[in-house]
Amino acid sequence: MHEKSDVATMTAALTVGVARSAQDSGMAKLMPLHREVMQGMPTVQNQEIRVLFATLSPGDVTPYHSHRHPVTVYMLEGTFTLELDDRKPVDIEAGQVFVEPSDVKMTGRNKGHVPARMALFYVCEPDEPFADPA
């Protein structure tokens, strides 16, 4: 059982972005990768959280599409070029994060010579499709 001071320390640590380590040596630090205020999140009572892994081989192109809600792209390997309507193309490289806005038509491609591997995170209404054809 935690003593009162341990609970207070854990609560304070989580507030400032660290969590107690299982080791006696110290604290496990949380490192924010990206923060961004977005519009277009679902407003229904129940939402579904989805995490997907995608790989585009060199030369692969996604269909021209849009998303109903923002999609966060976290690049693990390679470079993903995203072409959004009325905007300059964006190259997202390994270790970078980009949030695809809702209701914007786009296509993505791997112009590189190695696979582009990414994790996609988003919140949507249950059973909603990932993308809508544009």
N, C-alpha and C. Protein backbone atom coordinates (compact mmCIF):
# COMPACT_ATOMS: atom_id res chain seq x y z
N MET A 1 0.84 -1.18 0.00
CA MET A 1 0.00 0.00 0.00
C MET A 1 0.88 1.25 0.00
N HIS A 2 0.48 2.24 -0.78
CA HIS A 2 1.24 3.48 -0.87
C HIS A 2 0.98 4.33 0.36
N GLU A 3 2.04 4.96 0.82
CA GLU A 3 1.86 5.92 1.89
C GLU A 3 1.36 7.22 1.29
N LYS A 4 0.81 8.07 2.13
CA LYS A 4 0.24 9.33 1.68
C LYS A 4 1.24 10.15 0.87
N SER A 5 2.51 10.21 1.29
CA SER A 5 3.51 11.00 0.57
C SER A 5 3.81 10.40 -0.80
N ASP A 6 3.78 9.05 -0.92
CA ASP A 6 4.02 8.41 -2.22
C ASP A 6 2.91 8.75 -3.20
N VAL A 7 1.67 8.75 -2.75
CA VAL A 7 0.54 9.08 -3.62
C VAL A 7 0.63 10.53 -4.07
N ALA A 8 0.96 11.42 -3.15
CA ALA A 8 1.10 12.83 -3.50
C ALA A 8 2.24 13.03 -4.49
N THR A 9 3.36 12.32 -4.29
CA THR A 9 4.48 12.42 -5.20
C THR A 9 4.11 11.92 -6.58
N MET A 10 3.40 10.78 -6.66
CA MET A 10 3.00 10.23 -7.95
C MET A 10 2.04 11.18 -8.65
N THR A 11 1.08 11.73 -7.94
CA THR A 11 0.13 12.66 -8.54
C THR A 11 0.84 13.89 -9.07
N ALA A 12 1.74 14.44 -8.29
CA ALA A 12 2.49 15.62 -8.74
C ALA A 12 3.37 15.27 -9.93
N ALA A 13 3.99 14.12 -9.91
CA ALA A 13 4.88 13.71 -11.00
C ALA A 13 4.11 13.58 -12.30
N LEU A 14 2.94 12.99 -12.27
CA LEU A 14 2.15 12.84 -13.48
C LEU A 14 1.71 14.18 -14.02
N THR A 15 1.43 15.11 -13.15
CA THR A 15 1.01 16.44 -13.56
C THR A 15 2.12 17.15 -14.33
N VAL A 16 3.36 16.96 -13.92
CA VAL A 16 4.46 17.65 -14.57
C VAL A 16 5.16 16.80 -15.64
N GLY A 17 4.67 15.62 -15.90
CA GLY A 17 5.19 14.83 -17.01
C GLY A 17 6.21 13.78 -16.66
N VAL A 18 6.23 13.30 -15.43
CA VAL A 18 7.09 12.18 -15.07
C VAL A 18 6.27 11.17 -14.29
N ALA A 19 6.70 9.94 -14.29
CA ALA A 19 6.03 8.89 -13.54
C ALA A 19 7.07 8.17 -12.70
N ARG A 20 6.66 7.62 -11.60
CA ARG A 20 7.58 6.91 -10.71
C ARG A 20 8.14 5.69 -11.41
N SER A 21 9.43 5.49 -11.30
CA SER A 21 10.10 4.36 -11.92
C SER A 21 9.96 3.12 -11.05
N ALA A 22 9.98 1.94 -11.66
CA ALA A 22 9.98 0.70 -10.92
C ALA A 22 11.32 0.49 -10.24
N GLN A 23 12.33 1.20 -10.69
CA GLN A 23 13.66 1.08 -10.09
C GLN A 23 13.82 2.15 -9.02
N ASP A 24 14.69 1.86 -8.08
CA ASP A 24 14.95 2.82 -7.00
C ASP A 24 15.74 4.03 -7.48
N SER A 25 16.24 3.97 -8.70
CA SER A 25 17.16 5.00 -9.17
C SER A 25 16.51 6.34 -9.52
N GLY A 26 15.22 6.38 -9.67
CA GLY A 26 14.66 7.68 -10.01
C GLY A 26 13.31 7.62 -10.68
N MET A 27 13.09 8.58 -11.58
CA MET A 27 11.80 8.75 -12.21
C MET A 27 11.90 8.42 -13.70
N ALA A 28 10.82 7.88 -14.24
CA ALA A 28 10.73 7.67 -15.69
C ALA A 28 10.14 8.95 -16.26
N LYS A 29 10.81 9.55 -17.22
CA LYS A 29 10.36 10.83 -17.75
C LYS A 29 9.51 10.62 -19.00
N LEU A 30 8.44 11.38 -19.11
CA LEU A 30 7.60 11.38 -20.30
C LEU A 30 8.10 12.49 -21.21
N MET A 31 8.28 12.16 -22.49
CA MET A 31 8.77 13.15 -23.44
C MET A 31 7.68 13.42 -24.48
N PRO A 32 7.07 14.59 -24.45
CA PRO A 32 6.05 14.89 -25.46
C PRO A 32 6.66 14.89 -26.86
N LEU A 33 6.02 14.19 -27.79
CA LEU A 33 6.46 14.20 -29.18
C LEU A 33 5.76 15.27 -29.99
N HIS A 34 4.53 15.58 -29.61
CA HIS A 34 3.76 16.54 -30.40
C HIS A 34 2.55 16.97 -29.60
N ARG A 35 2.23 18.24 -29.67
CA ARG A 35 0.99 18.79 -29.10
C ARG A 35 0.43 19.76 -30.11
N GLU A 36 -0.87 19.65 -30.38
CA GLU A 36 -1.50 20.53 -31.35
C GLU A 36 -3.00 20.58 -31.05
N VAL A 37 -3.56 21.75 -31.01
CA VAL A 37 -5.00 21.91 -30.83
C VAL A 37 -5.65 21.74 -32.20
N MET A 38 -6.63 20.87 -32.29
CA MET A 38 -7.27 20.57 -33.57
C MET A 38 -8.77 20.77 -33.47
N GLN A 39 -9.36 21.01 -34.61
CA GLN A 39 -10.81 21.04 -34.74
C GLN A 39 -11.22 19.80 -35.53
N GLY A 40 -12.50 19.43 -35.42
CA GLY A 40 -13.01 18.33 -36.22
C GLY A 40 -13.05 16.99 -35.51
N MET A 41 -12.86 16.97 -34.19
CA MET A 41 -12.94 15.71 -33.46
C MET A 41 -14.41 15.27 -33.35
N PRO A 42 -14.65 13.96 -33.23
CA PRO A 42 -16.04 13.50 -33.13
C PRO A 42 -16.70 14.05 -31.87
N THR A 43 -17.99 14.30 -31.97
CA THR A 43 -18.72 14.85 -30.83
C THR A 43 -19.83 13.92 -30.33
N VAL A 44 -19.87 12.70 -30.83
CA VAL A 44 -20.87 11.74 -30.36
C VAL A 44 -20.47 11.22 -28.98
N GLN A 45 -21.42 10.59 -28.30
CA GLN A 45 -21.15 10.12 -26.94
C GLN A 45 -20.03 9.08 -26.88
N ASN A 46 -20.01 8.15 -27.82
CA ASN A 46 -18.97 7.12 -27.86
C ASN A 46 -18.06 7.34 -29.04
N GLN A 47 -16.73 7.33 -28.77
CA GLN A 47 -15.74 7.45 -29.83
C GLN A 47 -14.87 6.20 -29.80
N GLU A 48 -14.28 5.91 -30.95
CA GLU A 48 -13.38 4.77 -31.06
C GLU A 48 -11.96 5.30 -31.27
N ILE A 49 -11.01 4.80 -30.51
CA ILE A 49 -9.60 5.16 -30.67
C ILE A 49 -8.97 4.08 -31.53
N ARG A 50 -8.27 4.51 -32.59
CA ARG A 50 -7.62 3.56 -33.49
C ARG A 50 -6.14 3.89 -33.62
N VAL A 51 -5.34 2.85 -33.64
CA VAL A 51 -3.91 2.96 -33.90
C VAL A 51 -3.61 1.97 -35.01
N LEU A 52 -3.08 2.46 -36.12
CA LEU A 52 -2.78 1.63 -37.28
C LEU A 52 -1.29 1.71 -37.59
N PHE A 53 -0.77 0.68 -38.22
CA PHE A 53 0.60 0.67 -38.73
C PHE A 53 0.50 0.58 -40.24
N ALA A 54 1.23 1.42 -40.95
CA ALA A 54 1.19 1.42 -42.41
C ALA A 54 2.60 1.40 -42.97
N THR A 55 2.75 0.72 -44.09
CA THR A 55 4.01 0.70 -44.82
C THR A 55 3.74 1.02 -46.27
N LEU A 56 4.44 2.00 -46.81
CA LEU A 56 4.40 2.29 -48.24
C LEU A 56 5.76 1.93 -48.81
N SER A 57 5.77 1.03 -49.77
CA SER A 57 7.01 0.67 -50.46
C SER A 57 7.42 1.83 -51.36
N PRO A 58 8.68 1.89 -51.76
CA PRO A 58 9.11 2.96 -52.67
C PRO A 58 8.21 3.00 -53.91
N GLY A 59 7.73 4.19 -54.24
CA GLY A 59 6.84 4.37 -55.39
C GLY A 59 5.36 4.25 -55.08
N ASP A 60 4.99 3.73 -53.90
CA ASP A 60 3.57 3.59 -53.54
C ASP A 60 2.91 4.95 -53.38
N VAL A 61 1.62 5.01 -53.75
CA VAL A 61 0.82 6.23 -53.64
C VAL A 61 -0.52 5.86 -53.02
N THR A 62 -0.99 6.67 -52.08
CA THR A 62 -2.30 6.42 -51.49
C THR A 62 -3.38 6.94 -52.44
N PRO A 63 -4.60 6.43 -52.32
CA PRO A 63 -5.70 7.02 -53.11
C PRO A 63 -5.92 8.48 -52.70
N TYR A 64 -6.51 9.24 -53.57
CA TYR A 64 -6.91 10.63 -53.27
C TYR A 64 -8.10 10.52 -52.32
N HIS A 65 -7.99 11.11 -51.14
CA HIS A 65 -8.99 10.88 -50.10
C HIS A 65 -9.05 12.05 -49.12
N SER A 66 -9.97 11.93 -48.17
CA SER A 66 -10.04 12.85 -47.03
C SER A 66 -10.40 12.03 -45.80
N HIS A 67 -10.22 12.64 -44.64
CA HIS A 67 -10.58 12.01 -43.38
C HIS A 67 -11.65 12.85 -42.69
N ARG A 68 -12.56 12.20 -42.04
CA ARG A 68 -13.63 12.92 -41.33
C ARG A 68 -13.12 13.59 -40.05
N HIS A 69 -12.03 13.05 -39.50
CA HIS A 69 -11.45 13.58 -38.26
C HIS A 69 -9.94 13.59 -38.41
N PRO A 70 -9.23 14.41 -37.63
CA PRO A 70 -7.77 14.49 -37.75
C PRO A 70 -7.11 13.12 -37.56
N VAL A 71 -6.05 12.89 -38.31
CA VAL A 71 -5.25 11.66 -38.20
C VAL A 71 -3.81 12.07 -37.91
N THR A 72 -3.25 11.54 -36.84
CA THR A 72 -1.88 11.83 -36.47
C THR A 72 -0.97 10.77 -37.08
N VAL A 73 0.05 11.23 -37.80
CA VAL A 73 1.03 10.35 -38.44
C VAL A 73 2.33 10.48 -37.67
N TYR A 74 2.86 9.36 -37.19
CA TYR A 74 4.18 9.34 -36.54
C TYR A 74 5.08 8.45 -37.39
N MET A 75 6.08 9.06 -38.02
CA MET A 75 6.96 8.33 -38.92
C MET A 75 8.00 7.53 -38.14
N LEU A 76 8.09 6.26 -38.49
CA LEU A 76 9.05 5.37 -37.85
C LEU A 76 10.30 5.18 -38.70
N GLU A 77 10.10 5.18 -40.03
CA GLU A 77 11.22 4.93 -40.94
C GLU A 77 10.89 5.55 -42.30
N GLY A 78 11.90 6.04 -42.98
CA GLY A 78 11.70 6.59 -44.32
C GLY A 78 11.07 7.97 -44.29
N THR A 79 10.56 8.36 -45.47
CA THR A 79 9.92 9.67 -45.63
C THR A 79 8.60 9.48 -46.35
N PHE A 80 7.57 10.15 -45.86
CA PHE A 80 6.23 10.12 -46.43
C PHE A 80 5.92 11.53 -46.92
N THR A 81 5.63 11.67 -48.20
CA THR A 81 5.29 12.98 -48.76
C THR A 81 3.78 13.08 -48.83
N LEU A 82 3.24 14.07 -48.16
CA LEU A 82 1.80 14.28 -48.11
C LEU A 82 1.45 15.51 -48.94
N GLU A 83 0.54 15.34 -49.89
CA GLU A 83 0.09 16.43 -50.76
C GLU A 83 -1.36 16.74 -50.43
N LEU A 84 -1.57 17.85 -49.73
CA LEU A 84 -2.90 18.28 -49.32
C LEU A 84 -3.38 19.38 -50.26
N ASP A 85 -4.65 19.36 -50.63
CA ASP A 85 -5.19 20.39 -51.52
C ASP A 85 -4.90 21.79 -50.99
N ASP A 86 -4.51 22.68 -51.92
CA ASP A 86 -4.27 24.09 -51.63
C ASP A 86 -3.15 24.34 -50.62
N ARG A 87 -2.21 23.39 -50.50
CA ARG A 87 -1.07 23.55 -49.61
C ARG A 87 0.18 23.00 -50.29
N LYS A 88 1.33 23.43 -49.82
CA LYS A 88 2.58 22.88 -50.32
C LYS A 88 2.75 21.46 -49.82
N PRO A 89 3.38 20.57 -50.60
CA PRO A 89 3.64 19.20 -50.12
C PRO A 89 4.47 19.22 -48.82
N VAL A 90 4.23 18.24 -47.98
CA VAL A 90 4.92 18.13 -46.70
C VAL A 90 5.66 16.80 -46.69
N ASP A 91 6.98 16.85 -46.42
CA ASP A 91 7.76 15.63 -46.25
C ASP A 91 7.86 15.34 -44.75
N ILE A 92 7.36 14.17 -44.35
CA ILE A 92 7.40 13.76 -42.95
C ILE A 92 8.46 12.67 -42.84
N GLU A 93 9.49 12.94 -42.06
CA GLU A 93 10.62 12.02 -41.96
C GLU A 93 10.58 11.24 -40.65
N ALA A 94 11.35 10.16 -40.59
CA ALA A 94 11.41 9.32 -39.39
C ALA A 94 11.60 10.17 -38.14
N GLY A 95 10.79 9.91 -37.13
CA GLY A 95 10.85 10.66 -35.87
C GLY A 95 9.97 11.89 -35.83
N GLN A 96 9.38 12.27 -36.97
CA GLN A 96 8.53 13.45 -37.02
C GLN A 96 7.05 13.07 -36.90
N VAL A 97 6.27 14.06 -36.51
CA VAL A 97 4.82 13.91 -36.35
C VAL A 97 4.14 14.95 -37.22
N PHE A 98 3.02 14.55 -37.85
CA PHE A 98 2.20 15.48 -38.62
C PHE A 98 0.75 15.10 -38.39
N VAL A 99 -0.10 16.09 -38.20
CA VAL A 99 -1.53 15.84 -38.04
C VAL A 99 -2.24 16.21 -39.33
N GLU A 100 -2.84 15.20 -39.96
CA GLU A 100 -3.63 15.44 -41.17
C GLU A 100 -4.96 16.03 -40.74
N PRO A 101 -5.34 17.18 -41.27
CA PRO A 101 -6.59 17.82 -40.85
C PRO A 101 -7.81 17.09 -41.42
N SER A 102 -8.93 17.28 -40.77
CA SER A 102 -10.18 16.69 -41.25
C SER A 102 -10.69 17.47 -42.45
N ASP A 103 -11.42 16.76 -43.31
CA ASP A 103 -12.12 17.35 -44.45
C ASP A 103 -11.21 18.07 -45.46
N VAL A 104 -9.97 17.65 -45.57
CA VAL A 104 -9.05 18.18 -46.57
C VAL A 104 -8.67 17.03 -47.49
N LYS A 105 -8.82 17.24 -48.79
CA LYS A 105 -8.48 16.19 -49.76
C LYS A 105 -6.96 16.10 -49.88
N MET A 106 -6.47 14.85 -49.98
CA MET A 106 -5.03 14.64 -49.98
C MET A 106 -4.66 13.31 -50.62
N THR A 107 -3.38 13.18 -50.90
CA THR A 107 -2.78 11.91 -51.28
C THR A 107 -1.39 11.89 -50.68
N GLY A 108 -0.89 10.69 -50.45
CA GLY A 108 0.45 10.56 -49.90
C GLY A 108 1.27 9.62 -50.76
N ARG A 109 2.59 9.78 -50.71
CA ARG A 109 3.44 8.93 -51.54
C ARG A 109 4.79 8.72 -50.89
N ASN A 110 5.41 7.64 -51.29
CA ASN A 110 6.77 7.36 -50.88
C ASN A 110 7.66 7.59 -52.10
N LYS A 111 8.35 8.73 -52.11
CA LYS A 111 9.24 9.07 -53.21
C LYS A 111 10.65 8.54 -52.98
N GLY A 112 10.87 7.95 -51.82
CA GLY A 112 12.21 7.49 -51.45
C GLY A 112 12.56 6.13 -52.00
N HIS A 113 13.69 5.60 -51.51
CA HIS A 113 14.20 4.31 -51.95
C HIS A 113 14.12 3.25 -50.87
N VAL A 114 13.54 3.60 -49.72
CA VAL A 114 13.33 2.65 -48.63
C VAL A 114 11.86 2.70 -48.23
N PRO A 115 11.35 1.65 -47.58
CA PRO A 115 9.95 1.70 -47.14
C PRO A 115 9.70 2.88 -46.21
N ALA A 116 8.51 3.44 -46.30
CA ALA A 116 8.04 4.48 -45.39
C ALA A 116 7.10 3.78 -44.40
N ARG A 117 7.52 3.69 -43.16
CA ARG A 117 6.73 3.00 -42.13
C ARG A 117 6.24 4.04 -41.12
N MET A 118 4.96 3.94 -40.80
CA MET A 118 4.37 4.93 -39.91
C MET A 118 3.30 4.33 -39.02
N ALA A 119 3.09 4.97 -37.88
CA ALA A 119 1.97 4.64 -37.00
C ALA A 119 0.96 5.78 -37.16
N LEU A 120 -0.31 5.42 -37.28
CA LEU A 120 -1.40 6.38 -37.44
C LEU A 120 -2.31 6.28 -36.23
N PHE A 121 -2.63 7.42 -35.63
CA PHE A 121 -3.49 7.46 -34.46
C PHE A 121 -4.66 8.39 -34.77
N TYR A 122 -5.88 7.97 -34.43
CA TYR A 122 -7.00 8.88 -34.61
C TYR A 122 -8.20 8.42 -33.79
N VAL A 123 -9.13 9.34 -33.62
CA VAL A 123 -10.37 9.08 -32.91
C VAL A 123 -11.50 9.31 -33.89
N CYS A 124 -12.46 8.39 -33.90
CA CYS A 124 -13.57 8.51 -34.84
C CYS A 124 -14.84 7.95 -34.21
N GLU A 125 -15.91 8.07 -34.93
CA GLU A 125 -17.14 7.43 -34.49
C GLU A 125 -16.99 5.92 -34.71
N PRO A 126 -17.58 5.09 -33.85
CA PRO A 126 -17.46 3.65 -34.02
C PRO A 126 -17.87 3.22 -35.43
N ASP A 127 -17.08 2.31 -35.99
CA ASP A 127 -17.32 1.72 -37.31
C ASP A 127 -17.22 2.71 -38.48
N GLU A 128 -16.69 3.89 -38.25
CA GLU A 128 -16.50 4.86 -39.32
C GLU A 128 -15.33 4.42 -40.22
N PRO A 129 -15.41 4.63 -41.53
CA PRO A 129 -14.28 4.27 -42.39
C PRO A 129 -13.07 5.14 -42.08
N PHE A 130 -11.87 4.60 -42.36
CA PHE A 130 -10.64 5.34 -42.15
C PHE A 130 -10.57 6.58 -43.03
N ALA A 131 -11.00 6.44 -44.28
CA ALA A 131 -10.92 7.54 -45.23
C ALA A 131 -12.11 7.49 -46.18
N ASP A 132 -12.40 8.63 -46.77
CA ASP A 132 -13.45 8.73 -47.77
C ASP A 132 -12.80 9.07 -49.11
N PRO A 133 -13.20 8.38 -50.20
CA PRO A 133 -12.63 8.74 -51.51
C PRO A 133 -12.99 10.18 -51.87
N ALA A 134 -12.04 10.87 -52.48
CA ALA A 134 -12.29 12.28 -52.84
C ALA A 134 -12.74 12.38 -54.28
